[in-house]
Amino acid sequence: MKYKQKAFSRAERKSQIMGQFAIWQSKGDNEVKTMTRIARSLDMSPSQHVTDMLLEMVNEGNLAFVEREKSGRWTARGYYSVIRTLIAEKFLRRTISVSKRGVAVGQLEMFS
């Protein structure tokens, strides 16, 4: 009986982060993301561990960050992907009607 892996390795988490940035870019969302938003999108708790991984990815050249001043608070970092993905445009959706014996029974969405 094989046991389910409890946690992802550091390399797997980094690839998940880059995959999440690719998803955001494909949806047209190119804004900078905070560490909290990145962690929450991967079902992780925002912690120093996530910050350390993001800073390692900045040193590797996969990500970059911008520091923003918060009034009366510390400076916040906004991360963005340096690597642009090939899927940079939104998918167009077309609906087609599905009929059975001449009666429309539903619709399906197709990606083009």
PDB file of N, CA and C in Angstrom:
ATOM      1  N   MET A   1       0.841  -1.175   0.000  1.00  0.00           N
ATOM      2  CA  MET A   1       0.000   0.000   0.000  1.00  0.00           C
ATOM      3  C   MET A   1       0.888   1.241   0.000  1.00  0.00           C
ATOM      4  N   LYS A   2       0.653   2.112  -0.984  1.00  0.00           N
ATOM      5  CA  LYS A   2       1.446   3.331  -1.082  1.00  0.00           C
ATOM      6  C   LYS A   2       0.770   4.441  -0.307  1.00  0.00           C
ATOM      7  N   TYR A   3       1.589   5.227   0.357  1.00  0.00           N
ATOM      8  CA  TYR A   3       1.075   6.363   1.101  1.00  0.00           C
ATOM      9  C   TYR A   3       1.083   7.603   0.222  1.00  0.00           C
ATOM     10  N   LYS A   4       0.124   8.439   0.438  1.00  0.00           N
ATOM     11  CA  LYS A   4       0.034   9.679  -0.303  1.00  0.00           C
ATOM     12  C   LYS A   4       1.092  10.649   0.216  1.00  0.00           C
ATOM     13  N   GLN A   5       1.736  11.346  -0.717  1.00  0.00           N
ATOM     14  CA  GLN A   5       2.758  12.305  -0.329  1.00  0.00           C
ATOM     15  C   GLN A   5       2.102  13.468   0.412  1.00  0.00           C
ATOM     16  N   LYS A   6       2.624  13.799   1.572  1.00  0.00           N
ATOM     17  CA  LYS A   6       2.003  14.828   2.405  1.00  0.00           C
ATOM     18  C   LYS A   6       2.317  16.236   1.933  1.00  0.00           C
ATOM     19  N   ALA A   7       3.509  16.455   1.442  1.00  0.00           N
ATOM     20  CA  ALA A   7       3.910  17.805   1.069  1.00  0.00           C
ATOM     21  C   ALA A   7       4.675  17.765  -0.246  1.00  0.00           C
ATOM     22  N   PHE A   8       4.673  18.889  -0.940  1.00  0.00           N
ATOM     23  CA  PHE A   8       5.426  19.017  -2.175  1.00  0.00           C
ATOM     24  C   PHE A   8       6.847  19.441  -1.855  1.00  0.00           C
ATOM     25  N   SER A   9       7.757  19.074  -2.742  1.00  0.00           N
ATOM     26  CA  SER A   9       9.139  19.508  -2.555  1.00  0.00           C
ATOM     27  C   SER A   9       9.255  20.981  -2.931  1.00  0.00           C
ATOM     28  N   ARG A  10      10.395  21.562  -2.624  1.00  0.00           N
ATOM     29  CA  ARG A  10      10.611  22.983  -2.892  1.00  0.00           C
ATOM     30  C   ARG A  10      10.583  23.261  -4.397  1.00  0.00           C
ATOM     31  N   ALA A  11      11.167  22.373  -5.186  1.00  0.00           N
ATOM     32  CA  ALA A  11      11.176  22.543  -6.644  1.00  0.00           C
ATOM     33  C   ALA A  11       9.762  22.438  -7.210  1.00  0.00           C
ATOM     34  N   GLU A  12       8.960  21.529  -6.664  1.00  0.00           N
ATOM     35  CA  GLU A  12       7.573  21.397  -7.126  1.00  0.00           C
ATOM     36  C   GLU A  12       6.758  22.637  -6.776  1.00  0.00           C
ATOM     37  N   ARG A  13       6.984  23.210  -5.613  1.00  0.00           N
ATOM     38  CA  ARG A  13       6.286  24.434  -5.227  1.00  0.00           C
ATOM     39  C   ARG A  13       6.675  25.596  -6.137  1.00  0.00           C
ATOM     40  N   LYS A  14       7.955  25.665  -6.491  1.00  0.00           N
ATOM     41  CA  LYS A  14       8.388  26.731  -7.385  1.00  0.00           C
ATOM     42  C   LYS A  14       7.741  26.593  -8.755  1.00  0.00           C
ATOM     43  N   SER A  15       7.612  25.370  -9.239  1.00  0.00           N
ATOM     44  CA  SER A  15       6.957  25.178 -10.537  1.00  0.00           C
ATOM     45  C   SER A  15       5.468  25.485 -10.438  1.00  0.00           C
ATOM     46  N   GLN A  16       4.856  25.229  -9.286  1.00  0.00           N
ATOM     47  CA  GLN A  16       3.451  25.602  -9.085  1.00  0.00           C
ATOM     48  C   GLN A  16       3.282  27.116  -9.099  1.00  0.00           C
ATOM     49  N   ILE A  17       4.219  27.820  -8.502  1.00  0.00           N
ATOM     50  CA  ILE A  17       4.156  29.286  -8.487  1.00  0.00           C
ATOM     51  C   ILE A  17       4.249  29.823  -9.908  1.00  0.00           C
ATOM     52  N   MET A  18       5.199  29.289 -10.703  1.00  0.00           N
ATOM     53  CA  MET A  18       5.323  29.745 -12.084  1.00  0.00           C
ATOM     54  C   MET A  18       4.094  29.373 -12.898  1.00  0.00           C
ATOM     55  N   GLY A  19       3.506  28.228 -12.615  1.00  0.00           N
ATOM     56  CA  GLY A  19       2.267  27.837 -13.289  1.00  0.00           C
ATOM     57  C   GLY A  19       1.121  28.769 -12.953  1.00  0.00           C
ATOM     58  N   GLN A  20       1.058  29.214 -11.699  1.00  0.00           N
ATOM     59  CA  GLN A  20       0.010  30.146 -11.295  1.00  0.00           C
ATOM     60  C   GLN A  20       0.186  31.496 -11.984  1.00  0.00           C
ATOM     61  N   PHE A  21       1.439  31.960 -12.117  1.00  0.00           N
ATOM     62  CA  PHE A  21       1.681  33.200 -12.857  1.00  0.00           C
ATOM     63  C   PHE A  21       1.278  33.043 -14.324  1.00  0.00           C
ATOM     64  N   ALA A  22       1.510  31.857 -14.908  1.00  0.00           N
ATOM     65  CA  ALA A  22       1.110  31.609 -16.301  1.00  0.00           C
ATOM     66  C   ALA A  22      -0.410  31.648 -16.444  1.00  0.00           C
ATOM     67  N   ILE A  23      -1.123  31.117 -15.461  1.00  0.00           N
ATOM     68  CA  ILE A  23      -2.590  31.157 -15.490  1.00  0.00           C
ATOM     69  C   ILE A  23      -3.079  32.590 -15.402  1.00  0.00           C
ATOM     70  N   TRP A  24      -2.488  33.370 -14.495  1.00  0.00           N
ATOM     71  CA  TRP A  24      -2.894  34.771 -14.362  1.00  0.00           C
ATOM     72  C   TRP A  24      -2.623  35.531 -15.655  1.00  0.00           C
ATOM     73  N   GLN A  25      -1.481  35.275 -16.302  1.00  0.00           N
ATOM     74  CA  GLN A  25      -1.156  35.960 -17.552  1.00  0.00           C
ATOM     75  C   GLN A  25      -2.102  35.558 -18.670  1.00  0.00           C
ATOM     76  N   SER A  26      -2.499  34.285 -18.718  1.00  0.00           N
ATOM     77  CA  SER A  26      -3.410  33.846 -19.769  1.00  0.00           C
ATOM     78  C   SER A  26      -4.792  34.461 -19.606  1.00  0.00           C
ATOM     79  N   LYS A  27      -5.137  34.839 -18.386  1.00  0.00           N
ATOM     80  CA  LYS A  27      -6.422  35.501 -18.141  1.00  0.00           C
ATOM     81  C   LYS A  27      -6.325  37.010 -18.274  1.00  0.00           C
ATOM     82  N   GLY A  28      -5.140  37.521 -18.593  1.00  0.00           N
ATOM     83  CA  GLY A  28      -4.959  38.950 -18.787  1.00  0.00           C
ATOM     84  C   GLY A  28      -4.673  39.724 -17.515  1.00  0.00           C
ATOM     85  N   ASP A  29      -4.394  39.028 -16.436  1.00  0.00           N
ATOM     86  CA  ASP A  29      -4.104  39.674 -15.155  1.00  0.00           C
ATOM     87  C   ASP A  29      -2.594  39.826 -15.014  1.00  0.00           C
ATOM     88  N   ASN A  30      -2.065  41.003 -15.338  1.00  0.00           N
ATOM     89  CA  ASN A  30      -0.626  41.240 -15.293  1.00  0.00           C
ATOM     90  C   ASN A  30      -0.209  42.145 -14.147  1.00  0.00           C
ATOM     91  N   GLU A  31      -1.055  42.294 -13.146  1.00  0.00           N
ATOM     92  CA  GLU A  31      -0.719  43.127 -11.993  1.00  0.00           C
ATOM     93  C   GLU A  31       0.300  42.414 -11.118  1.00  0.00           C
ATOM     94  N   VAL A  32       0.991  43.188 -10.289  1.00  0.00           N
ATOM     95  CA  VAL A  32       1.926  42.580  -9.341  1.00  0.00           C
ATOM     96  C   VAL A  32       1.127  41.889  -8.241  1.00  0.00           C
ATOM     97  N   LYS A  33       1.671  40.791  -7.743  1.00  0.00           N
ATOM     98  CA  LYS A  33       0.983  39.989  -6.727  1.00  0.00           C
ATOM     99  C   LYS A  33       1.777  40.014  -5.432  1.00  0.00           C
ATOM    100  N   THR A  34       1.068  40.091  -4.335  1.00  0.00           N
ATOM    101  CA  THR A  34       1.722  40.035  -3.032  1.00  0.00           C
ATOM    102  C   THR A  34       2.001  38.581  -2.664  1.00  0.00           C
ATOM    103  N   MET A  35       2.867  38.398  -1.689  1.00  0.00           N
ATOM    104  CA  MET A  35       3.179  37.053  -1.233  1.00  0.00           C
ATOM    105  C   MET A  35       1.933  36.361  -0.698  1.00  0.00           C
ATOM    106  N   THR A  36       1.067  37.106  -0.037  1.00  0.00           N
ATOM    107  CA  THR A  36      -0.145  36.520   0.525  1.00  0.00           C
ATOM    108  C   THR A  36      -1.061  35.999  -0.572  1.00  0.00           C
ATOM    109  N   ARG A  37      -1.214  36.773  -1.643  1.00  0.00           N
ATOM    110  CA  ARG A  37      -2.093  36.337  -2.729  1.00  0.00           C
ATOM    111  C   ARG A  37      -1.530  35.108  -3.433  1.00  0.00           C
ATOM    112  N   ILE A  38      -0.215  35.067  -3.606  1.00  0.00           N
ATOM    113  CA  ILE A  38       0.413  33.907  -4.240  1.00  0.00           C
ATOM    114  C   ILE A  38       0.221  32.669  -3.377  1.00  0.00           C
ATOM    115  N   ALA A  39       0.449  32.807  -2.076  1.00  0.00           N
ATOM    116  CA  ALA A  39       0.314  31.668  -1.166  1.00  0.00           C
ATOM    117  C   ALA A  39      -1.129  31.180  -1.102  1.00  0.00           C
ATOM    118  N   ARG A  40      -2.078  32.088  -1.018  1.00  0.00           N
ATOM    119  CA  ARG A  40      -3.492  31.695  -0.938  1.00  0.00           C
ATOM    120  C   ARG A  40      -3.961  31.003  -2.211  1.00  0.00           C
ATOM    121  N   SER A  41      -3.417  31.412  -3.363  1.00  0.00           N
ATOM    122  CA  SER A  41      -3.830  30.783  -4.614  1.00  0.00           C
ATOM    123  C   SER A  41      -3.330  29.341  -4.713  1.00  0.00           C
ATOM    124  N   LEU A  42      -2.291  29.006  -3.967  1.00  0.00           N
ATOM    125  CA  LEU A  42      -1.761  27.641  -3.948  1.00  0.00           C
ATOM    126  C   LEU A  42      -2.202  26.862  -2.719  1.00  0.00           C
ATOM    127  N   ASP A  43      -3.166  27.382  -1.981  1.00  0.00           N
ATOM    128  CA  ASP A  43      -3.677  26.763  -0.745  1.00  0.00           C
ATOM    129  C   ASP A  43      -2.584  26.579   0.294  1.00  0.00           C
ATOM    130  N   MET A  44      -1.714  27.566   0.390  1.00  0.00           N
ATOM    131  CA  MET A  44      -0.675  27.574   1.415  1.00  0.00           C
ATOM    132  C   MET A  44      -0.956  28.723   2.369  1.00  0.00           C
ATOM    133  N   SER A  45      -0.382  28.650   3.537  1.00  0.00           N
ATOM    134  CA  SER A  45      -0.507  29.781   4.447  1.00  0.00           C
ATOM    135  C   SER A  45       0.657  30.739   4.167  1.00  0.00           C
ATOM    136  N   PRO A  46       0.378  32.035   4.155  1.00  0.00           N
ATOM    137  CA  PRO A  46       1.461  32.994   3.911  1.00  0.00           C
ATOM    138  C   PRO A  46       2.453  32.960   5.071  1.00  0.00           C
ATOM    139  N   SER A  47       3.700  32.680   4.757  1.00  0.00           N
ATOM    140  CA  SER A  47       4.705  32.538   5.813  1.00  0.00           C
ATOM    141  C   SER A  47       6.069  32.932   5.273  1.00  0.00           C
ATOM    142  N   GLN A  48       7.045  32.907   6.145  1.00  0.00           N
ATOM    143  CA  GLN A  48       8.421  33.214   5.761  1.00  0.00           C
ATOM    144  C   GLN A  48       8.941  32.187   4.769  1.00  0.00           C
ATOM    145  N   HIS A  49       8.453  30.960   4.843  1.00  0.00           N
ATOM    146  CA  HIS A  49       8.855  29.907   3.919  1.00  0.00           C
ATOM    147  C   HIS A  49       8.512  30.298   2.475  1.00  0.00           C
ATOM    148  N   VAL A  50       7.317  30.834   2.254  1.00  0.00           N
ATOM    149  CA  VAL A  50       6.901  31.263   0.919  1.00  0.00           C
ATOM    150  C   VAL A  50       7.736  32.461   0.474  1.00  0.00           C
ATOM    151  N   THR A  51       7.988  33.388   1.380  1.00  0.00           N
ATOM    152  CA  THR A  51       8.810  34.549   1.058  1.00  0.00           C
ATOM    153  C   THR A  51      10.216  34.125   0.651  1.00  0.00           C
ATOM    154  N   ASP A  52      10.787  33.155   1.347  1.00  0.00           N
ATOM    155  CA  ASP A  52      12.121  32.662   1.007  1.00  0.00           C
ATOM    156  C   ASP A  52      12.137  32.029  -0.382  1.00  0.00           C
ATOM    157  N   MET A  53      11.095  31.262  -0.715  1.00  0.00           N
ATOM    158  CA  MET A  53      11.019  30.662  -2.049  1.00  0.00           C
ATOM    159  C   MET A  53      10.902  31.727  -3.131  1.00  0.00           C
ATOM    160  N   LEU A  54      10.099  32.758  -2.874  1.00  0.00           N
ATOM    161  CA  LEU A  54       9.930  33.823  -3.860  1.00  0.00           C
ATOM    162  C   LEU A  54      11.232  34.592  -4.061  1.00  0.00           C
ATOM    163  N   LEU A  55      11.965  34.848  -2.969  1.00  0.00           N
ATOM    164  CA  LEU A  55      13.245  35.545  -3.098  1.00  0.00           C
ATOM    165  C   LEU A  55      14.288  34.692  -3.819  1.00  0.00           C
ATOM    166  N   GLU A  56      14.236  33.365  -3.627  1.00  0.00           N
ATOM    167  CA  GLU A  56      15.118  32.470  -4.387  1.00  0.00           C
ATOM    168  C   GLU A  56      14.793  32.538  -5.872  1.00  0.00           C
ATOM    169  N   MET A  57      13.496  32.618  -6.194  1.00  0.00           N
ATOM    170  CA  MET A  57      13.090  32.699  -7.600  1.00  0.00           C
ATOM    171  C   MET A  57      13.495  34.043  -8.207  1.00  0.00           C
ATOM    172  N   VAL A  58      13.535  35.096  -7.386  1.00  0.00           N
ATOM    173  CA  VAL A  58      14.025  36.392  -7.856  1.00  0.00           C
ATOM    174  C   VAL A  58      15.515  36.283  -8.172  1.00  0.00           C
ATOM    175  N   ASN A  59      16.276  35.619  -7.301  1.00  0.00           N
ATOM    176  CA  ASN A  59      17.714  35.448  -7.534  1.00  0.00           C
ATOM    177  C   ASN A  59      17.996  34.582  -8.754  1.00  0.00           C
ATOM    178  N   GLU A  60      17.108  33.606  -9.033  1.00  0.00           N
ATOM    179  CA  GLU A  60      17.272  32.751 -10.213  1.00  0.00           C
ATOM    180  C   GLU A  60      16.897  33.472 -11.498  1.00  0.00           C
ATOM    181  N   GLY A  61      16.152  34.565 -11.390  1.00  0.00           N
ATOM    182  CA  GLY A  61      15.770  35.321 -12.572  1.00  0.00           C
ATOM    183  C   GLY A  61      14.383  35.000 -13.104  1.00  0.00           C
ATOM    184  N   ASN A  62      13.613  34.188 -12.384  1.00  0.00           N
ATOM    185  CA  ASN A  62      12.260  33.845 -12.837  1.00  0.00           C
ATOM    186  C   ASN A  62      11.249  34.914 -12.463  1.00  0.00           C
ATOM    187  N   LEU A  63      11.448  35.555 -11.328  1.00  0.00           N
ATOM    188  CA  LEU A  63      10.533  36.589 -10.847  1.00  0.00           C
ATOM    189  C   LEU A  63      11.300  37.874 -10.590  1.00  0.00           C
ATOM    190  N   ALA A  64      10.560  38.957 -10.486  1.00  0.00           N
ATOM    191  CA  ALA A  64      11.119  40.244 -10.063  1.00  0.00           C
ATOM    192  C   ALA A  64      10.115  40.858  -9.098  1.00  0.00           C
ATOM    193  N   PHE A  65      10.555  41.846  -8.326  1.00  0.00           N
ATOM    194  CA  PHE A  65       9.624  42.462  -7.387  1.00  0.00           C
ATOM    195  C   PHE A  65       9.751  43.972  -7.405  1.00  0.00           C
ATOM    196  N   VAL A  66       8.672  44.607  -6.970  1.00  0.00           N
ATOM    197  CA  VAL A  66       8.598  46.058  -6.844  1.00  0.00           C
ATOM    198  C   VAL A  66       8.215  46.349  -5.408  1.00  0.00           C
ATOM    199  N   GLU A  67       8.929  47.265  -4.771  1.00  0.00           N
ATOM    200  CA  GLU A  67       8.577  47.629  -3.394  1.00  0.00           C
ATOM    201  C   GLU A  67       7.644  48.814  -3.423  1.00  0.00           C
ATOM    202  N   ARG A  68       6.567  48.704  -2.649  1.00  0.00           N
ATOM    203  CA  ARG A  68       5.575  49.774  -2.564  1.00  0.00           C
ATOM    204  C   ARG A  68       5.506  50.272  -1.139  1.00  0.00           C
ATOM    205  N   GLU A  69       5.410  51.575  -0.985  1.00  0.00           N
ATOM    206  CA  GLU A  69       5.292  52.177   0.342  1.00  0.00           C
ATOM    207  C   GLU A  69       3.836  52.120   0.799  1.00  0.00           C
ATOM    208  N   LYS A  70       3.633  51.619   1.978  1.00  0.00           N
ATOM    209  CA  LYS A  70       2.310  51.635   2.605  1.00  0.00           C
ATOM    210  C   LYS A  70       2.317  52.755   3.633  1.00  0.00           C
ATOM    211  N   SER A  71       1.288  53.545   3.653  1.00  0.00           N
ATOM    212  CA  SER A  71       1.269  54.687   4.575  1.00  0.00           C
ATOM    213  C   SER A  71       1.223  54.207   6.022  1.00  0.00           C
ATOM    214  N   GLY A  72       2.215  54.609   6.794  1.00  0.00           N
ATOM    215  CA  GLY A  72       2.273  54.252   8.202  1.00  0.00           C
ATOM    216  C   GLY A  72       2.650  52.812   8.464  1.00  0.00           C
ATOM    217  N   ARG A  73       3.091  52.093   7.425  1.00  0.00           N
ATOM    218  CA  ARG A  73       3.432  50.682   7.593  1.00  0.00           C
ATOM    219  C   ARG A  73       4.779  50.394   6.950  1.00  0.00           C
ATOM    220  N   TRP A  74       5.078  49.134   6.830  1.00  0.00           N
ATOM    221  CA  TRP A  74       6.316  48.705   6.206  1.00  0.00           C
ATOM    222  C   TRP A  74       6.166  48.742   4.681  1.00  0.00           C
ATOM    223  N   THR A  75       7.260  48.531   3.999  1.00  0.00           N
ATOM    224  CA  THR A  75       7.181  48.476   2.541  1.00  0.00           C
ATOM    225  C   THR A  75       6.703  47.096   2.115  1.00  0.00           C
ATOM    226  N   ALA A  76       5.803  47.052   1.169  1.00  0.00           N
ATOM    227  CA  ALA A  76       5.264  45.793   0.677  1.00  0.00           C
ATOM    228  C   ALA A  76       5.924  45.446  -0.648  1.00  0.00           C
ATOM    229  N   ARG A  77       6.135  44.173  -0.882  1.00  0.00           N
ATOM    230  CA  ARG A  77       6.719  43.720  -2.142  1.00  0.00           C
ATOM    231  C   ARG A  77       5.622  43.170  -3.037  1.00  0.00           C
ATOM    232  N   GLY A  78       5.651  43.570  -4.280  1.00  0.00           N
ATOM    233  CA  GLY A  78       4.757  43.012  -5.285  1.00  0.00           C
ATOM    234  C   GLY A  78       5.594  42.240  -6.287  1.00  0.00           C
ATOM    235  N   TYR A  79       5.284  40.956  -6.484  1.00  0.00           N
ATOM    236  CA  TYR A  79       6.061  40.093  -7.363  1.00  0.00           C
ATOM    237  C   TYR A  79       5.378  39.993  -8.724  1.00  0.00           C
ATOM    238  N   TYR A  80       6.204  39.887  -9.770  1.00  0.00           N
ATOM    239  CA  TYR A  80       5.672  39.638 -11.109  1.00  0.00           C
ATOM    240  C   TYR A  80       6.647  38.741 -11.857  1.00  0.00           C
ATOM    241  N   SER A  81       6.118  38.061 -12.862  1.00  0.00           N
ATOM    242  CA  SER A  81       6.911  37.102 -13.619  1.00  0.00           C
ATOM    243  C   SER A  81       7.710  37.812 -14.701  1.00  0.00           C
ATOM    244  N   VAL A  82       8.982  37.481 -14.792  1.00  0.00           N
ATOM    245  CA  VAL A  82       9.832  38.022 -15.837  1.00  0.00           C
ATOM    246  C   VAL A  82       9.629  37.225 -17.121  1.00  0.00           C
ATOM    247  N   ILE A  83       9.352  35.931 -16.959  1.00  0.00           N
ATOM    248  CA  ILE A  83       9.175  35.035 -18.095  1.00  0.00           C
ATOM    249  C   ILE A  83       7.749  35.172 -18.607  1.00  0.00           C
ATOM    250  N   ARG A  84       7.619  35.488 -19.873  1.00  0.00           N
ATOM    251  CA  ARG A  84       6.297  35.586 -20.497  1.00  0.00           C
ATOM    252  C   ARG A  84       5.937  34.233 -21.077  1.00  0.00           C
ATOM    253  N   THR A  85       4.724  33.821 -20.845  1.00  0.00           N
ATOM    254  CA  THR A  85       4.281  32.515 -21.326  1.00  0.00           C
ATOM    255  C   THR A  85       3.826  32.615 -22.772  1.00  0.00           C
ATOM    256  N   LEU A  86       3.734  31.476 -23.418  1.00  0.00           N
ATOM    257  CA  LEU A  86       3.281  31.442 -24.805  1.00  0.00           C
ATOM    258  C   LEU A  86       1.786  31.706 -24.909  1.00  0.00           C
ATOM    259  N   ILE A  87       1.041  31.327 -23.887  1.00  0.00           N
ATOM    260  CA  ILE A  87      -0.402  31.538 -23.899  1.00  0.00           C
ATOM    261  C   ILE A  87      -0.657  32.887 -23.249  1.00  0.00           C
ATOM    262  N   ALA A  88      -0.645  33.941 -24.054  1.00  0.00           N
ATOM    263  CA  ALA A  88      -0.819  35.274 -23.512  1.00  0.00           C
ATOM    264  C   ALA A  88      -2.169  35.863 -23.884  1.00  0.00           C
ATOM    265  N   GLU A  89      -2.949  35.138 -24.668  1.00  0.00           N
ATOM    266  CA  GLU A  89      -4.240  35.671 -25.072  1.00  0.00           C
ATOM    267  C   GLU A  89      -5.353  34.840 -24.457  1.00  0.00           C
ATOM    268  N   LYS A  90      -6.495  35.456 -24.330  1.00  0.00           N
ATOM    269  CA  LYS A  90      -7.630  34.756 -23.753  1.00  0.00           C
ATOM    270  C   LYS A  90      -8.192  33.760 -24.759  1.00  0.00           C
ATOM    271  N   PHE A  91      -8.772  32.715 -24.238  1.00  0.00           N
ATOM    272  CA  PHE A  91      -9.450  31.760 -25.096  1.00  0.00           C
ATOM    273  C   PHE A  91     -10.795  32.338 -25.507  1.00  0.00           C
ATOM    274  N   LEU A  92     -11.132  32.127 -26.744  1.00  0.00           N
ATOM    275  CA  LEU A  92     -12.458  32.514 -27.204  1.00  0.00           C
ATOM    276  C   LEU A  92     -13.387  31.325 -26.991  1.00  0.00           C
ATOM    277  N   ARG A  93     -14.559  31.590 -26.476  1.00  0.00           N
ATOM    278  CA  ARG A  93     -15.506  30.518 -26.210  1.00  0.00           C
ATOM    279  C   ARG A  93     -16.668  30.619 -27.182  1.00  0.00           C
ATOM    280  N   ARG A  94     -17.020  29.482 -27.736  1.00  0.00           N
ATOM    281  CA  ARG A  94     -18.178  29.405 -28.607  1.00  0.00           C
ATOM    282  C   ARG A  94     -19.131  28.383 -28.028  1.00  0.00           C
ATOM    283  N   THR A  95     -20.392  28.703 -28.026  1.00  0.00           N
ATOM    284  CA  THR A  95     -21.374  27.732 -27.564  1.00  0.00           C
ATOM    285  C   THR A  95     -22.021  27.089 -28.774  1.00  0.00           C
ATOM    286  N   ILE A  96     -22.201  25.786 -28.695  1.00  0.00           N
ATOM    287  CA  ILE A  96     -22.892  25.066 -29.750  1.00  0.00           C
ATOM    288  C   ILE A  96     -24.085  24.365 -29.115  1.00  0.00           C
ATOM    289  N   SER A  97     -25.158  24.305 -29.844  1.00  0.00           N
ATOM    290  CA  SER A  97     -26.337  23.634 -29.293  1.00  0.00           C
ATOM    291  C   SER A  97     -26.262  22.156 -29.627  1.00  0.00           C
ATOM    292  N   VAL A  98     -26.655  21.344 -28.691  1.00  0.00           N
ATOM    293  CA  VAL A  98     -26.660  19.898 -28.854  1.00  0.00           C
ATOM    294  C   VAL A  98     -28.112  19.473 -28.954  1.00  0.00           C
ATOM    295  N   SER A  99     -28.429  18.799 -30.041  1.00  0.00           N
ATOM    296  CA  SER A  99     -29.827  18.399 -30.222  1.00  0.00           C
ATOM    297  C   SER A  99     -29.937  16.891 -30.287  1.00  0.00           C
ATOM    298  N   LYS A 100     -31.060  16.413 -29.863  1.00  0.00           N
ATOM    299  CA  LYS A 100     -31.353  14.993 -29.899  1.00  0.00           C
ATOM    300  C   LYS A 100     -32.730  14.862 -30.529  1.00  0.00           C
ATOM    301  N   ARG A 101     -32.776  14.266 -31.695  1.00  0.00           N
ATOM    302  CA  ARG A 101     -34.024  14.090 -32.449  1.00  0.00           C
ATOM    303  C   ARG A 101     -34.692  15.419 -32.752  1.00  0.00           C
ATOM    304  N   GLY A 102     -33.875  16.422 -33.080  1.00  0.00           N
ATOM    305  CA  GLY A 102     -34.434  17.707 -33.472  1.00  0.00           C
ATOM    306  C   GLY A 102     -34.781  18.634 -32.326  1.00  0.00           C
ATOM    307  N   VAL A 103     -34.619  18.212 -31.088  1.00  0.00           N
ATOM    308  CA  VAL A 103     -34.949  19.044 -29.930  1.00  0.00           C
ATOM    309  C   VAL A 103     -33.637  19.423 -29.237  1.00  0.00           C
ATOM    310  N   ALA A 104     -33.440  20.710 -29.030  1.00  0.00           N
ATOM    311  CA  ALA A 104     -32.224  21.166 -28.357  1.00  0.00           C
ATOM    312  C   ALA A 104     -32.279  20.751 -26.891  1.00  0.00           C
ATOM    313  N   VAL A 105     -31.271  20.027 -26.441  1.00  0.00           N
ATOM    314  CA  VAL A 105     -31.248  19.532 -25.065  1.00  0.00           C
ATOM    315  C   VAL A 105     -30.216  20.230 -24.213  1.00  0.00           C
ATOM    316  N   GLY A 106     -29.333  21.010 -24.785  1.00  0.00           N
ATOM    317  CA  GLY A 106     -28.329  21.686 -23.972  1.00  0.00           C
ATOM    318  C   GLY A 106     -27.327  22.392 -24.832  1.00  0.00           C
ATOM    319  N   GLN A 107     -26.332  22.973 -24.191  1.00  0.00           N
ATOM    320  CA  GLN A 107     -25.275  23.673 -24.887  1.00  0.00           C
ATOM    321  C   GLN A 107     -23.935  23.265 -24.327  1.00  0.00           C
ATOM    322  N   LEU A 108     -22.949  23.232 -25.199  1.00  0.00           N
ATOM    323  CA  LEU A 108     -21.580  22.934 -24.809  1.00  0.00           C
ATOM    324  C   LEU A 108     -20.714  24.134 -25.153  1.00  0.00           C
ATOM    325  N   GLU A 109     -19.613  24.306 -24.420  1.00  0.00           N
ATOM    326  CA  GLU A 109     -18.672  25.380 -24.723  1.00  0.00           C
ATOM    327  C   GLU A 109     -17.456  24.772 -25.378  1.00  0.00           C
ATOM    328  N   MET A 110     -17.004  25.410 -26.431  1.00  0.00           N
ATOM    329  CA  MET A 110     -15.802  24.974 -27.118  1.00  0.00           C
ATOM    330  C   MET A 110     -14.762  26.077 -27.025  1.00  0.00           C
ATOM    331  N   PHE A 111     -13.509  25.679 -26.890  1.00  0.00           N
ATOM    332  CA  PHE A 111     -12.414  26.644 -26.885  1.00  0.00           C
ATOM    333  C   PHE A 111     -11.823  26.703 -28.278  1.00  0.00           C
ATOM    334  N   SER A 112     -11.547  27.892 -28.718  1.00  0.00           N
ATOM    335  CA  SER A 112     -10.924  28.025 -30.040  1.00  0.00           C
ATOM    336  C   SER A 112      -9.638  28.804 -29.930  1.00  0.00           C
TER     337      SER A 112
END
